[in-house]
Protein backbone atom coordinates (compact mmCIF):
# COMPACT_ATOMS: atom_id res chain seq x y z
CA MET A 1 107.35 71.67 96.27
CA GLU A 2 105.80 69.10 93.98
CA GLU A 3 106.28 65.54 94.28
CA MET A 4 106.25 64.11 90.48
CA LEU A 5 103.94 61.15 90.13
CA LEU A 6 105.00 59.50 87.17
CA ALA A 7 102.10 58.88 84.58
CA PRO A 8 102.82 56.41 81.73
CA VAL A 9 104.35 57.81 78.62
CA GLU A 10 103.80 56.65 75.20
CA ASP A 11 106.99 54.59 74.08
CA LYS A 12 107.65 56.56 70.91
CA GLU A 13 111.23 56.39 69.64
CA GLU A 14 112.38 58.84 66.83
CA SER A 15 115.20 60.56 65.59
CA VAL A 16 117.07 61.12 62.42
CA GLY A 17 119.61 58.54 61.31
CA LYS A 18 119.85 54.96 62.58
CA ILE A 19 118.34 54.16 66.02
CA GLY A 20 118.42 51.03 67.95
CA PHE A 21 115.66 49.10 69.18
CA LYS A 22 115.50 46.58 71.79
CA ARG A 23 112.36 44.42 72.05
CA GLU A 24 111.22 41.26 73.81
CA ILE A 25 110.44 38.36 71.55
CA HIS A 26 107.80 35.44 72.28
CA VAL A 27 109.62 31.85 71.76
CA ASN A 28 108.23 28.52 72.07
CA LYS A 29 110.40 25.68 73.56
CA ALA A 30 112.14 24.47 70.31
CA GLN A 31 113.04 28.06 69.40
CA LYS A 32 114.32 28.76 72.97
CA ALA A 33 116.49 25.70 72.91
CA ALA A 34 117.87 26.69 69.34
CA MET A 35 118.81 30.29 70.45
CA GLN A 36 120.37 29.00 73.66
CA LYS A 37 122.24 26.59 71.83
CA ASN A 38 123.66 29.44 69.50
CA ILE A 39 124.51 31.57 72.56
CA THR A 40 126.37 28.64 74.17
CA ALA A 41 128.19 27.95 70.69
CA ALA A 42 129.19 31.73 70.62
CA ARG A 43 130.60 31.60 74.02
CA PHE A 44 132.42 28.22 73.19
CA THR A 45 133.91 29.78 70.23
CA TYR A 46 135.06 32.82 71.86
CA ASN A 47 136.86 30.81 74.60
CA TRP A 48 138.46 28.51 72.06
CA GLY A 49 139.73 31.77 70.09
CA CYS A 50 141.14 33.21 73.36
CA ARG A 51 143.19 30.18 74.08
CA GLU A 52 144.48 30.19 70.42
CA LEU A 53 145.21 33.86 70.52
CA GLN A 54 147.26 33.50 73.69
CA GLY A 55 149.25 30.84 71.93
CA LEU A 56 150.26 33.39 69.17
CA TYR A 57 152.20 35.44 71.97
CA GLU A 58 154.92 33.39 73.40
CA GLU A 59 156.77 36.41 74.90
CA ASP A 60 158.10 36.10 78.28
CA TYR A 61 156.98 38.32 81.34
CA ASP A 62 160.28 40.27 81.00
CA ILE A 63 159.75 41.48 77.60
CA ASN A 64 160.61 45.02 76.64
CA ILE A 65 158.06 47.64 75.75
CA ASP A 66 159.95 48.62 72.77
CA ASP A 67 159.73 45.08 71.15
CA ILE A 68 155.92 45.32 71.92
CA ALA A 69 155.43 48.38 70.04
CA SER A 70 157.50 47.08 66.95
CA SER A 71 155.70 43.57 66.86
CA LYS A 72 152.17 45.08 67.57
CA VAL A 73 151.09 45.18 63.92
CA LYS A 74 152.63 41.70 63.19
CA ASN A 75 150.52 40.06 65.95
CA ILE A 76 147.26 41.64 64.74
CA LYS A 77 147.87 40.37 61.05
CA ASN A 78 148.54 36.86 62.68
CA PHE A 79 144.97 36.81 64.07
CA GLY A 80 143.60 35.63 60.47
CA ARG A 81 145.20 32.34 61.28
CA ILE A 82 142.53 31.74 63.96
CA SER A 83 139.74 32.08 61.73
CA LYS A 84 141.11 29.42 59.33
CA GLU A 85 142.01 27.24 62.06
CA PHE A 86 138.49 27.41 63.32
CA THR A 87 137.07 26.17 60.05
CA GLN A 88 139.14 23.05 60.62
CA PHE A 89 138.09 22.76 64.37
CA LYS A 90 134.36 22.63 63.51
CA LYS A 91 134.96 19.63 61.23
CA LEU A 92 136.26 17.52 64.13
CA PRO A 93 133.73 14.68 65.09
CA GLU A 94 133.54 15.93 68.71
CA ASN A 95 132.49 19.41 67.31
CA ALA A 96 129.83 18.25 65.17
CA TRP A 97 127.12 20.27 67.40
CA LEU A 98 128.69 23.49 66.22
CA ARG A 99 127.77 22.88 62.56
CA GLU A 100 124.32 22.54 63.76
CA CYS A 101 124.48 26.20 65.03
CA ASP A 102 124.04 29.33 63.24
CA ALA A 103 127.38 29.92 61.21
CA LYS A 104 126.90 33.79 61.29
CA ALA A 105 126.79 33.83 65.02
CA LEU A 106 130.15 31.99 65.22
CA ASP A 107 131.73 34.21 62.34
CA CYS A 108 130.95 37.28 64.27
CA VAL A 109 133.13 35.96 67.23
CA VAL A 110 136.38 34.93 65.34
CA SER A 111 136.21 36.23 61.92
CA PRO A 112 138.09 39.48 61.02
CA ALA A 113 135.72 39.89 57.88
CA SER A 114 132.68 40.06 60.16
CA ILE A 115 134.50 42.35 62.82
CA GLY A 116 134.32 39.53 65.17
CA ALA A 117 134.19 40.21 68.96
CA LEU A 118 137.52 38.52 69.71
CA TYR A 119 139.06 40.27 66.79
CA THR A 120 137.70 43.66 68.04
CA ALA A 121 138.96 42.92 71.54
CA ASN A 122 142.65 41.91 70.50
CA LYS A 123 142.73 45.03 68.18
CA LYS A 124 141.71 47.43 70.90
CA PHE A 125 144.19 45.87 73.27
CA TRP A 126 147.11 46.67 70.66
CA ASN A 127 145.67 50.09 69.93
CA GLU A 128 148.18 52.61 68.75
CA LYS A 129 147.56 54.93 71.81
CA TYR A 130 148.87 52.32 74.19
CA PHE A 131 152.08 51.32 72.26
CA LYS A 132 152.77 54.60 70.60
CA LYS A 133 155.13 57.30 72.01
CA ASP A 134 153.68 60.54 72.72
CA ALA A 135 155.56 64.00 72.81
CA LYS A 136 157.27 63.32 75.96
CA GLY A 137 158.40 59.92 74.86
CA ASN A 138 156.26 58.02 77.03
CA TYR A 139 154.02 55.00 76.20
CA GLY A 140 150.34 54.90 76.81
CA ALA A 141 150.66 51.37 77.93
CA SER A 142 152.88 52.29 81.00
CA GLU A 143 149.78 51.76 83.38
CA ILE A 144 149.01 48.38 81.81
CA LEU A 145 152.69 47.26 82.21
CA ALA A 146 152.96 48.78 85.65
CA ASP A 147 149.82 46.83 86.92
CA PHE A 148 151.23 43.67 84.98
CA TYR A 149 154.48 43.85 87.05
CA GLU A 150 152.95 44.46 90.26
CA ARG A 151 150.88 41.41 89.99
CA GLN A 152 153.99 39.61 88.96
CA ARG A 153 155.69 40.72 92.21
CA LYS A 154 152.79 39.68 94.36
CA LEU A 155 152.86 36.21 92.75
CA ARG A 156 156.50 35.72 93.23
CA SER A 157 156.38 36.73 96.88
CA LYS A 158 153.61 34.15 97.49
CA LYS A 159 154.71 31.24 95.41
CA GLY A 160 158.44 31.75 94.88
CA GLU A 161 160.76 33.33 92.23
CA GLU A 162 159.96 30.59 89.62
CA ALA A 163 156.32 31.69 89.44
CA SER A 164 155.79 33.91 86.45
CA LEU A 165 153.13 35.57 84.37
CA LYS A 166 153.24 35.70 80.70
CA PHE A 167 152.56 39.01 78.57
CA PRO A 168 150.08 39.89 76.98
CA ALA A 169 148.17 36.81 77.95
CA ASP A 170 148.06 37.78 81.82
CA ALA A 171 147.93 41.51 81.10
CA LYS A 172 144.93 43.70 82.14
CA GLY A 173 142.75 44.21 79.07
CA PHE A 174 143.89 41.40 77.10
CA PRO A 175 140.86 39.09 75.93
CA LYS A 176 140.03 36.62 78.57
CA PRO A 177 137.64 33.36 78.39
CA HIS A 178 133.99 34.12 79.44
CA LYS A 179 132.79 32.11 82.36
CA TRP A 180 129.41 30.29 82.04
CA SER A 181 126.47 32.40 82.73
CA SER A 182 122.68 32.10 82.16
CA LYS A 183 122.91 35.47 80.39
CA GLY A 184 124.47 35.85 76.98
CA SER A 185 124.01 37.04 73.44
CA TYR A 186 125.06 36.49 69.85
CA THR A 187 124.86 38.28 66.58
CA THR A 188 123.52 37.07 63.32
CA VAL A 189 121.42 38.33 60.20
CA GLY A 190 117.68 38.24 59.86
CA ARG A 191 114.34 40.04 58.79
CA ILE A 192 111.30 41.44 60.27
CA LYS A 193 108.02 40.90 58.52
CA ASP A 194 104.45 41.20 59.79
CA GLY A 195 105.49 41.86 63.25
CA LYS A 196 107.63 38.67 63.53
CA LEU A 197 111.48 38.02 63.42
CA TYR A 198 112.96 35.45 61.25
CA LEU A 199 116.33 34.12 62.05
CA PRO A 200 118.64 31.33 60.59
CA LYS A 201 118.40 27.94 61.90
CA ILE A 202 115.29 28.94 64.04
CA LYS A 203 111.95 27.29 62.57
CA GLY A 204 109.00 29.61 62.27
CA GLY A 205 108.68 33.39 63.24
CA MET A 206 108.90 34.78 66.60
CA LYS A 207 106.34 37.60 67.67
CA ILE A 208 107.94 40.81 68.75
CA LYS A 209 106.52 42.38 71.86
CA GLY A 210 105.85 46.00 71.79
CA TRP A 211 105.82 45.93 67.94
CA ASP A 212 106.72 49.12 66.28
CA ARG A 213 105.50 49.75 62.55
CA ARG A 214 108.77 51.49 61.83
CA LEU A 215 110.71 48.15 62.19
CA GLU A 216 108.43 46.47 59.32
CA GLY A 217 110.45 45.07 56.57
CA THR A 218 113.89 45.58 58.21
CA LEU A 219 116.51 43.46 56.62
CA ALA A 220 119.40 43.70 59.09
CA ASP A 221 123.15 42.63 58.64
CA TYR A 222 123.63 42.59 62.39
CA ILE A 223 120.65 41.54 64.72
CA THR A 224 121.61 40.92 68.35
CA VAL A 225 119.70 38.06 70.02
CA SER A 226 120.42 38.34 73.89
CA THR A 227 118.80 36.69 77.00
CA ASP A 228 118.80 37.78 80.71
CA GLY A 229 118.28 34.22 81.80
CA ILE A 230 114.50 34.26 81.72
CA ASP A 231 113.35 36.17 78.57
CA PHE A 232 114.73 36.58 75.07
CA PHE A 233 115.25 39.85 73.31
CA VAL A 234 116.35 41.39 69.84
CA SER A 235 118.21 44.38 69.17
CA VAL A 236 118.15 45.92 65.78
CA LYS A 237 119.05 49.17 64.14
CA THR A 238 116.69 50.82 61.70
CA GLU A 239 116.67 54.30 60.05
CA TYR A 240 113.70 56.62 59.98
CA ARG A 241 112.57 60.27 60.55
CA ASP A 242 109.97 61.29 62.99
CA ASN A 243 108.99 63.68 65.95
CA ASP A 244 109.97 62.17 69.33
CA LEU A 245 108.27 64.04 72.43
CA ASN A 246 106.86 66.82 70.03
CA LEU A 247 108.58 69.58 72.31
CA GLN A 248 107.58 73.08 71.06
CA ASN A 249 108.34 76.51 72.49
CA LEU A 250 111.56 75.63 74.36
CA GLU A 251 112.42 78.36 76.69
CA GLY A 252 114.36 78.82 79.95
CA VAL A 253 117.03 76.92 81.88
CA LEU A 254 116.48 73.92 84.16
CA GLY A 255 118.96 72.92 86.91
CA VAL A 256 119.17 69.22 87.81
CA ASP A 257 120.75 67.91 90.99
CA VAL A 258 120.98 64.10 91.61
CA GLY A 259 121.15 62.35 94.93
CA CYS A 260 120.41 59.19 96.75
CA ARG A 261 117.52 60.28 98.98
CA LYS A 262 115.90 61.79 95.95
CA LEU A 263 116.87 60.58 92.53
CA ALA A 264 116.64 64.26 91.17
CA THR A 265 115.69 67.54 92.36
CA LEU A 266 114.89 70.29 89.60
CA SER A 267 115.38 73.97 89.88
CA ASP A 268 111.65 74.64 89.97
CA GLY A 269 111.07 72.51 93.14
CA THR A 270 110.07 69.20 91.51
CA LYS A 271 111.42 65.95 92.83
CA VAL A 272 111.80 62.76 91.15
CA LEU A 273 111.34 59.88 93.55
CA ASN A 274 114.12 57.16 94.09
CA PRO A 275 112.70 54.00 92.96
CA ALA A 276 115.16 52.15 95.16
CA THR A 277 113.51 53.44 98.27
CA SER A 278 109.82 52.31 97.26
CA GLU A 279 108.35 49.41 99.33
CA LYS A 280 107.86 47.18 96.22
CA VAL A 281 111.69 47.30 95.45
CA LYS A 282 112.39 46.67 99.23
CA LYS A 283 110.19 43.61 99.20
CA TYR A 284 111.68 42.20 96.02
CA GLU A 285 115.24 42.86 97.65
CA ARG A 286 114.32 40.91 100.84
CA LYS A 287 113.14 38.14 98.64
CA CYS A 288 116.46 38.16 96.65
CA LYS A 289 118.32 37.76 99.96
CA ARG A 290 116.35 34.62 101.17
CA LEU A 291 116.86 33.09 97.86
CA GLN A 292 120.57 33.70 97.94
CA ARG A 293 120.69 32.30 101.34
CA LYS A 294 118.87 29.10 100.04
CA ILE A 295 121.26 28.89 97.04
CA SER A 296 124.42 29.14 99.02
CA THR A 297 123.32 26.48 101.43
CA LEU A 298 122.68 24.05 98.43
CA GLN A 299 126.05 24.97 96.84
CA LEU A 300 127.71 24.31 100.20
CA HIS A 301 126.21 20.93 100.61
CA ALA A 302 127.35 19.92 96.96
CA ARG A 303 130.89 21.00 97.57
CA LEU A 304 131.14 19.03 100.60
CA ASN A 305 129.81 16.03 98.86
CA ASN A 306 132.31 16.68 96.05
CA ASP A 307 129.76 16.81 93.51
CA TYR A 308 131.39 18.08 90.49
CA ILE A 309 131.48 17.46 86.71
CA GLU A 310 133.95 18.04 83.98
CA THR A 311 133.62 21.06 81.32
CA PRO A 312 134.68 20.54 77.67
CA TYR A 313 137.75 22.65 78.69
CA GLY A 314 138.96 20.01 81.11
CA ASN A 315 138.00 22.17 84.19
CA LYS A 316 135.53 21.07 86.97
CA ARG A 317 132.31 22.97 87.82
CA LEU A 318 129.63 22.36 90.57
CA ARG A 319 126.76 19.91 89.68
CA LYS A 320 123.32 21.56 89.85
CA SER A 321 120.34 19.79 91.06
CA ASN A 322 116.98 20.65 89.91
CA LYS A 323 116.02 22.35 92.97
CA LEU A 324 119.11 24.56 92.79
CA ARG A 325 118.37 25.46 88.96
CA ARG A 326 114.76 26.31 89.92
CA LEU A 327 115.95 28.70 92.87
CA GLU A 328 118.43 30.34 90.44
CA ARG A 329 115.66 30.96 87.79
CA TYR A 330 113.26 32.36 90.68
CA LEU A 331 116.20 34.69 91.95
CA ARG A 332 116.86 36.00 88.44
CA SER A 333 113.15 36.66 87.72
CA THR A 334 113.01 38.72 90.79
CA GLN A 335 116.29 40.50 89.95
CA ILE A 336 114.76 41.39 86.66
CA LYS A 337 111.49 42.67 88.21
CA ILE A 338 113.70 45.10 90.26
CA GLU A 339 115.67 46.31 87.15
CA ASN A 340 112.34 46.74 85.09
CA ILE A 341 110.97 49.00 87.98
CA LYS A 342 114.11 51.06 87.82
CA GLU A 343 113.97 51.42 83.85
CA ASP A 344 110.37 52.17 83.79
CA ASN A 345 110.76 55.04 86.42
CA ARG A 346 113.90 56.25 84.46
CA LYS A 347 112.23 56.54 81.05
CA GLN A 348 108.90 58.00 82.35
CA SER A 349 110.48 60.64 84.66
CA VAL A 350 112.68 61.96 81.91
CA ALA A 351 109.92 61.89 79.36
CA HIS A 352 107.52 63.62 81.82
CA LEU A 353 110.00 66.42 82.97
CA LEU A 354 110.84 67.15 79.31
CA LYS A 355 107.26 67.32 78.11
CA ARG A 356 105.94 69.47 80.98
CA ILE A 357 108.84 71.99 81.44
CA ALA A 358 110.28 72.04 77.84
CA PRO A 359 113.43 73.79 78.63
CA GLU A 360 115.98 75.19 76.24
CA SER A 361 118.86 74.24 78.26
CA ILE A 362 119.41 71.71 81.18
CA VAL A 363 122.40 71.94 83.50
CA VAL A 364 123.65 68.85 85.29
CA GLU A 365 126.48 68.11 87.59
CA ASN A 366 129.67 66.65 86.08
CA ILE A 367 130.20 64.05 88.85
CA ALA A 368 132.73 61.09 88.91
CA ILE A 369 130.40 58.34 90.05
CA ASN A 370 133.11 55.50 89.73
CA ASN A 371 135.27 57.68 92.13
CA MET A 372 132.17 58.17 94.52
CA LYS A 373 131.62 54.32 94.58
CA LYS A 374 135.15 53.99 96.27
CA ASN A 375 133.55 55.53 99.46
CA LYS A 376 132.18 52.34 101.18
CA LYS A 377 129.57 54.33 103.09
CA VAL A 378 127.64 55.51 99.99
CA ALA A 379 128.63 53.18 97.34
CA LYS A 380 125.66 50.85 97.80
CA GLY A 381 123.20 53.68 97.88
CA ILE A 382 124.70 55.07 94.61
CA GLN A 383 124.71 51.84 93.00
CA LYS A 384 120.96 51.26 93.84
CA THR A 385 119.92 54.63 92.67
CA SER A 386 121.49 54.17 89.22
CA MET A 387 121.86 58.12 89.03
CA GLY A 388 124.65 57.72 86.42
CA THR A 389 122.28 55.71 84.05
CA TRP A 390 119.42 58.35 84.76
CA LEU A 391 121.79 61.16 83.79
CA ASP A 392 122.90 59.22 80.56
CA TRP A 393 119.28 58.76 79.63
CA LEU A 394 118.32 62.47 80.26
CA LYS A 395 121.18 63.53 78.13
CA TYR A 396 120.28 61.10 75.28
CA LYS A 397 116.55 62.04 75.23
CA ALA A 398 117.26 65.86 75.63
CA GLU A 399 119.79 65.92 72.70
CA ARG A 400 117.28 63.96 70.34
CA ASN A 401 114.80 66.69 71.15
CA GLY A 402 116.82 69.74 70.54
CA VAL A 403 117.36 70.41 74.22
CA ASN A 404 120.90 71.69 75.15
CA VAL A 405 122.68 69.96 77.84
CA ILE A 406 125.31 71.85 79.97
CA LYS A 407 127.79 70.01 82.32
CA ALA A 408 128.78 72.20 85.20
CA ASP A 409 132.29 72.38 86.32
CA ARG A 410 133.54 69.26 88.13
CA PHE A 411 134.45 71.31 91.19
CA PHE A 412 131.64 73.65 91.15
CA ALA A 413 130.34 73.53 94.75
CA SER A 414 126.65 73.70 94.04
CA SER A 415 125.56 72.34 97.44
CA GLN A 416 127.73 74.83 99.45
CA ILE A 417 126.68 78.29 97.71
CA CYS A 418 123.75 80.26 98.73
CA SER A 419 121.41 80.61 95.76
CA ASN A 420 120.08 83.83 97.18
CA CYS A 421 123.26 85.90 97.98
CA GLY A 422 126.04 83.72 96.64
CA TYR A 423 127.81 83.19 99.98
CA LYS A 424 129.88 80.05 100.06
CA ASN A 425 129.21 77.96 103.37
CA LYS A 426 132.15 75.56 103.66
CA GLU A 427 130.59 74.05 106.89
CA MET A 428 127.92 72.24 104.79
CA LYS A 429 128.53 68.61 105.10
CA LYS A 430 127.36 65.58 103.16
CA GLY A 431 124.92 64.55 105.79
CA TYR A 432 123.07 67.90 106.08
CA GLU A 433 119.44 67.90 104.34
CA VAL A 434 118.83 71.68 104.97
CA PHE A 435 120.67 74.54 103.61
CA LYS A 436 121.30 77.50 106.27
CA CYS A 437 123.09 80.58 105.00
CA PRO A 438 124.79 82.27 107.83
CA LYS A 439 125.16 85.58 105.79
CA CYS A 440 121.47 86.30 104.65
CA GLY A 441 119.56 83.89 106.85
CA MET A 442 118.08 81.87 103.79
CA VAL A 443 116.82 78.31 104.79
CA MET A 444 116.02 76.00 101.88
CA ASP A 445 116.19 72.29 101.09
CA ARG A 446 119.74 71.51 100.25
CA ASP A 447 119.03 69.71 96.96
CA GLU A 448 116.74 72.40 95.82
CA ASN A 449 119.39 75.06 96.48
CA ALA A 450 121.93 73.13 94.50
CA ALA A 451 119.45 72.63 91.54
CA ILE A 452 118.98 76.55 91.54
CA ASN A 453 122.74 77.04 91.75
CA LEU A 454 123.23 74.92 88.71
CA LYS A 455 120.51 76.92 86.84
CA ASN A 456 122.37 80.21 87.72
CA TYR A 457 125.54 78.67 86.44
CA ALA A 458 124.23 78.45 82.91
CA GLU A 459 122.84 82.27 83.27
CA LYS A 460 126.22 83.63 84.19
């Protein structure tokens, strides 16, 4: 069996139509402060809009679902009132700082004309599939209401019969205010010229790291600027036509079995190593634990000293010392290093196996990862592995290069079937690493046997 050593692959993107690019940008202190201010303004506007939106709905918790369905359209139309009120809200003396920010960034939050984030979230909640009867006469929103009434019952059992929730403000899926975070984003307009990004209210151009010539001259109506707490990134869509991995002579079927010990096992015996088990990642994880303990200690001392400050919304939050901020930045930078290692492994491994094997079809498992995470024994391992993200990236790159992706049946027992004689060994449990067939006597690595079964699944 071959252990796949991942060699660097050129980061070339190509397809037909509009494709998204996300690149890091180099910013100075003034540009960083201006973009952080725009992100804060976008979050502030969204939270203000959420509170105004909740004021449009004054229905009691005991509302009838037929009344909800009939008033749905009216409530969506009333949303335009929020956009007009925000114009007056910005003119208040205490909100003068909002006028210094990028106006497009704020419009993309509350303006229906700009398909604002809050408008989209509100419309999604009142979608017809939730509040429209199906052939059996049932509403799609029955699960939302069931969850709402269950939380209402628990609240009353704790705080008495007078306690109540309001619909839809307290319902699941309704837009809620965002908590403060070092991460964030905002959407605006801009242009790219000579490898630099130019944005409104930002002085000077910002050099794009990993510059791609196909972005040259891009004039975008929607450019998303985001930060992970340390670095800043720009996301933009552009249209081009090119060749991606230059795959030729596609032939054969490839079975791919994913797991926690090995990220993926292919039907030809190749194994993709799991980056979460590497010494480098483990070293960073130990460092994260130490930093988190230090941060928790400082936060505990601040709470005991009752060291709080008031927010613009009238709430209180913990005051952060310079030492606490420094530790949080150090923690975030360490977490980013772990994420970058996993992302680099994902992109290189997928490109490597597609270029080396060049299959006509790929067969993958149709696994319910969210259901698997409910098992506490394997949830942490699955989350660290990021197998769902790896499968999504494999499907994305395969389809862009003309490789057919086949999903096996959800209940296809690839790990229990013998790839040699077809006998189903029901005694194979999750912990077994070697497959032994009691009928033909074949002994093989369990994951490799499952990958071969997936390959045979497409050939049947």
